[in-house]
Amino acid sequence: MPSITLYTSASHRLDAGVFAEFSTTLTRLAKEILKAKENNIHISYLTAEIGFGTPVYFEAKLRQEVFRTVPVLDEFMHQVDLLIKEKIGVTARIRCFSFEAGNIYAKN
């Protein structure tokens, strides 16, 4: 963990090259700010039919850790906000969900 998903409307879809740059930067942010191990980071990019709301929605699901304090998560979301504004040019809805390890059931 973290498991990160970026949802965009078709009109805000990133081309493959820009998404590769976005993913590289996002991986670096997760490693540096969240102290995530590279082999635990998962990034998905989905083009979605947005029925209502912002054309770009960012969601991160994280394992709760003592070092992932409110200021750390605030800084991560701030940096994600800057990255989305730079690469997509919009203000996105950004959400981070933190789960206790005992509430995560996973395989692989």
N, C-alpha and C. Protein backbone atom coordinates (compact mmCIF):
# COMPACT_ATOMS: atom_id res chain seq x y z
N MET A 1 0.85 -1.16 0.00
CA MET A 1 0.00 0.00 0.00
C MET A 1 0.89 1.23 0.00
N PRO A 2 0.62 2.24 -0.65
CA PRO A 2 -0.66 2.79 -1.05
C PRO A 2 -1.16 2.25 -2.41
N SER A 3 -2.48 2.23 -2.48
CA SER A 3 -3.16 1.92 -3.72
C SER A 3 -3.81 3.22 -4.18
N ILE A 4 -3.37 3.70 -5.33
CA ILE A 4 -3.78 5.02 -5.81
C ILE A 4 -4.53 4.88 -7.13
N THR A 5 -5.65 5.58 -7.24
CA THR A 5 -6.43 5.59 -8.48
C THR A 5 -6.71 7.03 -8.88
N LEU A 6 -6.45 7.32 -10.13
CA LEU A 6 -6.78 8.62 -10.71
C LEU A 6 -7.89 8.40 -11.72
N TYR A 7 -9.02 9.04 -11.48
CA TYR A 7 -10.17 8.97 -12.38
C TYR A 7 -10.25 10.29 -13.14
N THR A 8 -10.38 10.22 -14.46
CA THR A 8 -10.56 11.44 -15.25
C THR A 8 -11.71 11.26 -16.23
N SER A 9 -12.35 12.36 -16.56
CA SER A 9 -13.33 12.33 -17.64
C SER A 9 -12.57 12.22 -18.96
N ALA A 10 -13.25 11.81 -20.00
CA ALA A 10 -12.60 11.65 -21.30
C ALA A 10 -11.95 12.95 -21.78
N SER A 11 -12.56 14.08 -21.46
CA SER A 11 -12.02 15.37 -21.91
C SER A 11 -10.75 15.77 -21.17
N HIS A 12 -10.42 15.08 -20.08
CA HIS A 12 -9.22 15.38 -19.31
C HIS A 12 -8.23 14.21 -19.30
N ARG A 13 -8.44 13.29 -20.19
CA ARG A 13 -7.59 12.10 -20.26
C ARG A 13 -6.15 12.48 -20.60
N LEU A 14 -5.20 11.86 -19.91
CA LEU A 14 -3.78 12.08 -20.18
C LEU A 14 -3.31 11.13 -21.26
N ASP A 15 -2.42 11.62 -22.12
CA ASP A 15 -1.83 10.68 -23.08
C ASP A 15 -0.80 9.82 -22.34
N ALA A 16 -0.36 8.76 -22.97
CA ALA A 16 0.51 7.77 -22.32
C ALA A 16 1.80 8.38 -21.78
N GLY A 17 2.41 9.28 -22.52
CA GLY A 17 3.66 9.89 -22.09
C GLY A 17 3.49 10.74 -20.85
N VAL A 18 2.44 11.56 -20.83
CA VAL A 18 2.18 12.41 -19.67
C VAL A 18 1.82 11.55 -18.46
N PHE A 19 1.05 10.48 -18.69
CA PHE A 19 0.70 9.60 -17.57
C PHE A 19 1.93 8.90 -17.01
N ALA A 20 2.87 8.54 -17.87
CA ALA A 20 4.12 7.92 -17.39
C ALA A 20 4.88 8.90 -16.50
N GLU A 21 4.97 10.17 -16.91
CA GLU A 21 5.63 11.19 -16.09
C GLU A 21 4.88 11.39 -14.78
N PHE A 22 3.55 11.45 -14.87
CA PHE A 22 2.71 11.61 -13.69
C PHE A 22 2.96 10.46 -12.70
N SER A 23 2.98 9.24 -13.21
CA SER A 23 3.18 8.05 -12.37
C SER A 23 4.56 8.05 -11.71
N THR A 24 5.57 8.44 -12.46
CA THR A 24 6.93 8.50 -11.91
C THR A 24 7.00 9.51 -10.77
N THR A 25 6.42 10.69 -10.98
CA THR A 25 6.43 11.71 -9.93
C THR A 25 5.60 11.27 -8.74
N LEU A 26 4.45 10.68 -8.99
CA LEU A 26 3.59 10.20 -7.91
C LEU A 26 4.27 9.10 -7.09
N THR A 27 4.98 8.21 -7.75
CA THR A 27 5.73 7.18 -7.05
C THR A 27 6.78 7.81 -6.15
N ARG A 28 7.49 8.80 -6.67
CA ARG A 28 8.50 9.49 -5.87
C ARG A 28 7.87 10.16 -4.65
N LEU A 29 6.73 10.81 -4.82
CA LEU A 29 6.04 11.46 -3.70
C LEU A 29 5.63 10.43 -2.65
N ALA A 30 5.11 9.30 -3.09
CA ALA A 30 4.69 8.26 -2.15
C ALA A 30 5.88 7.71 -1.37
N LYS A 31 7.01 7.55 -2.04
CA LYS A 31 8.21 7.05 -1.37
C LYS A 31 8.78 8.09 -0.41
N GLU A 32 8.88 9.32 -0.85
CA GLU A 32 9.52 10.36 -0.05
C GLU A 32 8.63 10.86 1.09
N ILE A 33 7.37 11.11 0.82
CA ILE A 33 6.49 11.70 1.83
C ILE A 33 5.82 10.64 2.69
N LEU A 34 5.26 9.61 2.05
CA LEU A 34 4.54 8.58 2.79
C LEU A 34 5.43 7.46 3.30
N LYS A 35 6.69 7.46 2.87
CA LYS A 35 7.65 6.41 3.22
C LYS A 35 7.17 5.03 2.75
N ALA A 36 6.51 5.02 1.60
CA ALA A 36 6.03 3.76 1.02
C ALA A 36 7.17 3.02 0.36
N LYS A 37 7.13 1.71 0.46
CA LYS A 37 8.11 0.87 -0.24
C LYS A 37 7.66 0.76 -1.69
N GLU A 38 8.62 0.87 -2.60
CA GLU A 38 8.29 0.88 -4.03
C GLU A 38 7.45 -0.33 -4.45
N ASN A 39 7.77 -1.50 -3.92
CA ASN A 39 7.04 -2.70 -4.33
C ASN A 39 5.62 -2.76 -3.74
N ASN A 40 5.25 -1.78 -2.89
CA ASN A 40 3.90 -1.73 -2.32
C ASN A 40 3.02 -0.66 -2.97
N ILE A 41 3.59 0.12 -3.87
CA ILE A 41 2.83 1.20 -4.51
C ILE A 41 2.11 0.66 -5.74
N HIS A 42 0.83 0.97 -5.84
CA HIS A 42 0.04 0.56 -7.00
C HIS A 42 -0.71 1.79 -7.51
N ILE A 43 -0.54 2.12 -8.79
CA ILE A 43 -1.17 3.30 -9.37
C ILE A 43 -2.02 2.85 -10.56
N SER A 44 -3.30 3.22 -10.52
CA SER A 44 -4.23 2.92 -11.62
C SER A 44 -4.74 4.24 -12.19
N TYR A 45 -5.01 4.22 -13.47
CA TYR A 45 -5.52 5.40 -14.16
C TYR A 45 -6.75 4.98 -14.94
N LEU A 46 -7.88 5.57 -14.62
CA LEU A 46 -9.14 5.20 -15.25
C LEU A 46 -9.81 6.40 -15.88
N THR A 47 -10.28 6.22 -17.09
CA THR A 47 -11.14 7.21 -17.71
C THR A 47 -12.56 6.80 -17.36
N ALA A 48 -13.33 7.74 -16.82
CA ALA A 48 -14.65 7.41 -16.30
C ALA A 48 -15.69 8.37 -16.84
N GLU A 49 -16.92 7.90 -16.88
CA GLU A 49 -18.05 8.78 -17.15
C GLU A 49 -18.36 9.45 -15.82
N ILE A 50 -18.12 10.74 -15.75
CA ILE A 50 -18.36 11.49 -14.52
C ILE A 50 -19.79 12.02 -14.58
N GLY A 51 -20.67 11.47 -13.75
CA GLY A 51 -22.06 11.88 -13.75
C GLY A 51 -22.29 13.22 -13.07
N PHE A 52 -21.47 13.49 -12.07
CA PHE A 52 -21.60 14.74 -11.32
C PHE A 52 -20.30 14.95 -10.57
N GLY A 53 -19.84 16.17 -10.48
CA GLY A 53 -18.63 16.46 -9.72
C GLY A 53 -17.48 16.91 -10.61
N THR A 54 -16.30 16.92 -10.04
CA THR A 54 -15.13 17.39 -10.75
C THR A 54 -14.72 16.41 -11.85
N PRO A 55 -14.06 16.89 -12.90
CA PRO A 55 -13.66 15.99 -13.99
C PRO A 55 -12.46 15.12 -13.65
N VAL A 56 -11.82 15.39 -12.51
CA VAL A 56 -10.66 14.60 -12.08
C VAL A 56 -10.82 14.29 -10.59
N TYR A 57 -10.68 13.02 -10.25
CA TYR A 57 -10.82 12.57 -8.87
C TYR A 57 -9.64 11.67 -8.54
N PHE A 58 -8.96 11.96 -7.45
CA PHE A 58 -7.78 11.21 -7.01
C PHE A 58 -8.11 10.53 -5.69
N GLU A 59 -7.83 9.23 -5.62
CA GLU A 59 -8.11 8.48 -4.40
C GLU A 59 -6.90 7.65 -4.02
N ALA A 60 -6.48 7.76 -2.78
CA ALA A 60 -5.37 6.96 -2.27
C ALA A 60 -5.84 6.20 -1.04
N LYS A 61 -5.57 4.90 -1.03
CA LYS A 61 -5.86 4.05 0.12
C LYS A 61 -4.53 3.65 0.72
N LEU A 62 -4.38 3.92 2.02
CA LEU A 62 -3.08 3.76 2.66
C LEU A 62 -3.20 2.90 3.91
N ARG A 63 -2.11 2.22 4.21
CA ARG A 63 -2.00 1.55 5.51
C ARG A 63 -1.66 2.61 6.54
N GLN A 64 -2.38 2.61 7.65
CA GLN A 64 -2.10 3.56 8.73
C GLN A 64 -0.76 3.21 9.37
N GLU A 65 0.08 4.21 9.51
CA GLU A 65 1.40 4.04 10.13
C GLU A 65 1.61 5.20 11.09
N VAL A 66 2.42 5.01 12.13
CA VAL A 66 2.65 6.08 13.10
C VAL A 66 3.32 7.29 12.46
N PHE A 67 4.08 7.07 11.40
CA PHE A 67 4.77 8.18 10.75
C PHE A 67 3.91 8.88 9.70
N ARG A 68 2.73 8.36 9.42
CA ARG A 68 1.81 9.01 8.48
C ARG A 68 0.82 9.85 9.26
N THR A 69 1.33 10.93 9.79
CA THR A 69 0.55 11.85 10.62
C THR A 69 -0.30 12.77 9.73
N VAL A 70 -1.16 13.53 10.36
CA VAL A 70 -1.98 14.49 9.63
C VAL A 70 -1.12 15.45 8.81
N PRO A 71 -0.06 16.04 9.37
CA PRO A 71 0.78 16.93 8.55
C PRO A 71 1.42 16.21 7.35
N VAL A 72 1.79 14.96 7.53
CA VAL A 72 2.38 14.20 6.42
C VAL A 72 1.35 13.99 5.32
N LEU A 73 0.14 13.59 5.69
CA LEU A 73 -0.91 13.38 4.69
C LEU A 73 -1.31 14.71 4.04
N ASP A 74 -1.32 15.78 4.82
CA ASP A 74 -1.61 17.10 4.24
C ASP A 74 -0.57 17.48 3.19
N GLU A 75 0.70 17.22 3.49
CA GLU A 75 1.77 17.54 2.54
C GLU A 75 1.66 16.67 1.28
N PHE A 76 1.35 15.39 1.45
CA PHE A 76 1.16 14.51 0.30
C PHE A 76 0.03 15.03 -0.58
N MET A 77 -1.11 15.36 0.03
CA MET A 77 -2.24 15.86 -0.76
C MET A 77 -1.91 17.19 -1.42
N HIS A 78 -1.17 18.04 -0.75
CA HIS A 78 -0.76 19.32 -1.35
C HIS A 78 0.11 19.07 -2.59
N GLN A 79 1.07 18.18 -2.47
CA GLN A 79 1.95 17.88 -3.61
C GLN A 79 1.18 17.21 -4.75
N VAL A 80 0.23 16.35 -4.42
CA VAL A 80 -0.62 15.73 -5.45
C VAL A 80 -1.44 16.81 -6.15
N ASP A 81 -1.98 17.74 -5.39
CA ASP A 81 -2.75 18.84 -5.96
C ASP A 81 -1.91 19.63 -6.96
N LEU A 82 -0.68 19.96 -6.57
CA LEU A 82 0.22 20.69 -7.48
C LEU A 82 0.52 19.88 -8.73
N LEU A 83 0.75 18.58 -8.57
CA LEU A 83 1.05 17.70 -9.70
C LEU A 83 -0.13 17.65 -10.68
N ILE A 84 -1.33 17.50 -10.16
CA ILE A 84 -2.52 17.43 -11.02
C ILE A 84 -2.72 18.76 -11.74
N LYS A 85 -2.55 19.85 -11.03
CA LYS A 85 -2.69 21.17 -11.68
C LYS A 85 -1.66 21.34 -12.79
N GLU A 86 -0.43 20.87 -12.55
CA GLU A 86 0.63 20.99 -13.56
C GLU A 86 0.36 20.11 -14.77
N LYS A 87 -0.01 18.86 -14.55
CA LYS A 87 -0.14 17.90 -15.65
C LYS A 87 -1.51 17.91 -16.33
N ILE A 88 -2.57 18.27 -15.58
CA ILE A 88 -3.92 18.20 -16.15
C ILE A 88 -4.55 19.58 -16.25
N GLY A 89 -4.12 20.50 -15.40
CA GLY A 89 -4.62 21.87 -15.48
C GLY A 89 -5.94 22.11 -14.78
N VAL A 90 -6.31 21.25 -13.83
CA VAL A 90 -7.56 21.43 -13.11
C VAL A 90 -7.32 21.25 -11.60
N THR A 91 -8.31 21.71 -10.84
CA THR A 91 -8.33 21.43 -9.41
C THR A 91 -9.14 20.16 -9.24
N ALA A 92 -8.51 19.12 -8.74
CA ALA A 92 -9.15 17.82 -8.60
C ALA A 92 -9.70 17.63 -7.19
N ARG A 93 -10.62 16.72 -7.07
CA ARG A 93 -11.04 16.25 -5.75
C ARG A 93 -10.01 15.20 -5.34
N ILE A 94 -9.44 15.37 -4.16
CA ILE A 94 -8.37 14.48 -3.68
C ILE A 94 -8.80 13.90 -2.35
N ARG A 95 -8.74 12.57 -2.25
CA ARG A 95 -9.13 11.89 -1.02
C ARG A 95 -8.07 10.85 -0.66
N CYS A 96 -7.73 10.79 0.63
CA CYS A 96 -6.84 9.75 1.16
C CYS A 96 -7.59 9.02 2.26
N PHE A 97 -7.55 7.70 2.22
CA PHE A 97 -8.20 6.87 3.21
C PHE A 97 -7.13 6.02 3.88
N SER A 98 -7.07 6.10 5.20
CA SER A 98 -6.05 5.41 5.97
C SER A 98 -6.72 4.26 6.75
N PHE A 99 -6.16 3.06 6.62
CA PHE A 99 -6.74 1.87 7.25
C PHE A 99 -5.76 1.25 8.22
N GLU A 100 -6.24 0.80 9.36
CA GLU A 100 -5.40 0.05 10.29
C GLU A 100 -5.03 -1.28 9.65
N ALA A 101 -3.82 -1.76 9.92
CA ALA A 101 -3.32 -3.00 9.31
C ALA A 101 -4.28 -4.17 9.56
N GLY A 102 -4.89 -4.21 10.74
CA GLY A 102 -5.81 -5.31 11.07
C GLY A 102 -7.10 -5.29 10.28
N ASN A 103 -7.36 -4.19 9.57
CA ASN A 103 -8.58 -4.09 8.74
C ASN A 103 -8.28 -4.27 7.26
N ILE A 104 -7.06 -4.67 6.95
CA ILE A 104 -6.67 -4.88 5.55
C ILE A 104 -6.45 -6.37 5.33
N TYR A 105 -7.17 -6.91 4.39
CA TYR A 105 -7.01 -8.31 4.02
C TYR A 105 -6.56 -8.34 2.58
N ALA A 106 -5.38 -8.90 2.34
CA ALA A 106 -4.81 -8.82 1.00
C ALA A 106 -4.05 -10.10 0.66
N LYS A 107 -3.86 -10.27 -0.61
CA LYS A 107 -3.08 -11.38 -1.13
C LYS A 107 -2.19 -10.82 -2.23
N ASN A 108 -0.94 -11.23 -2.23
CA ASN A 108 0.05 -10.78 -3.21
C ASN A 108 0.34 -9.33 -2.99
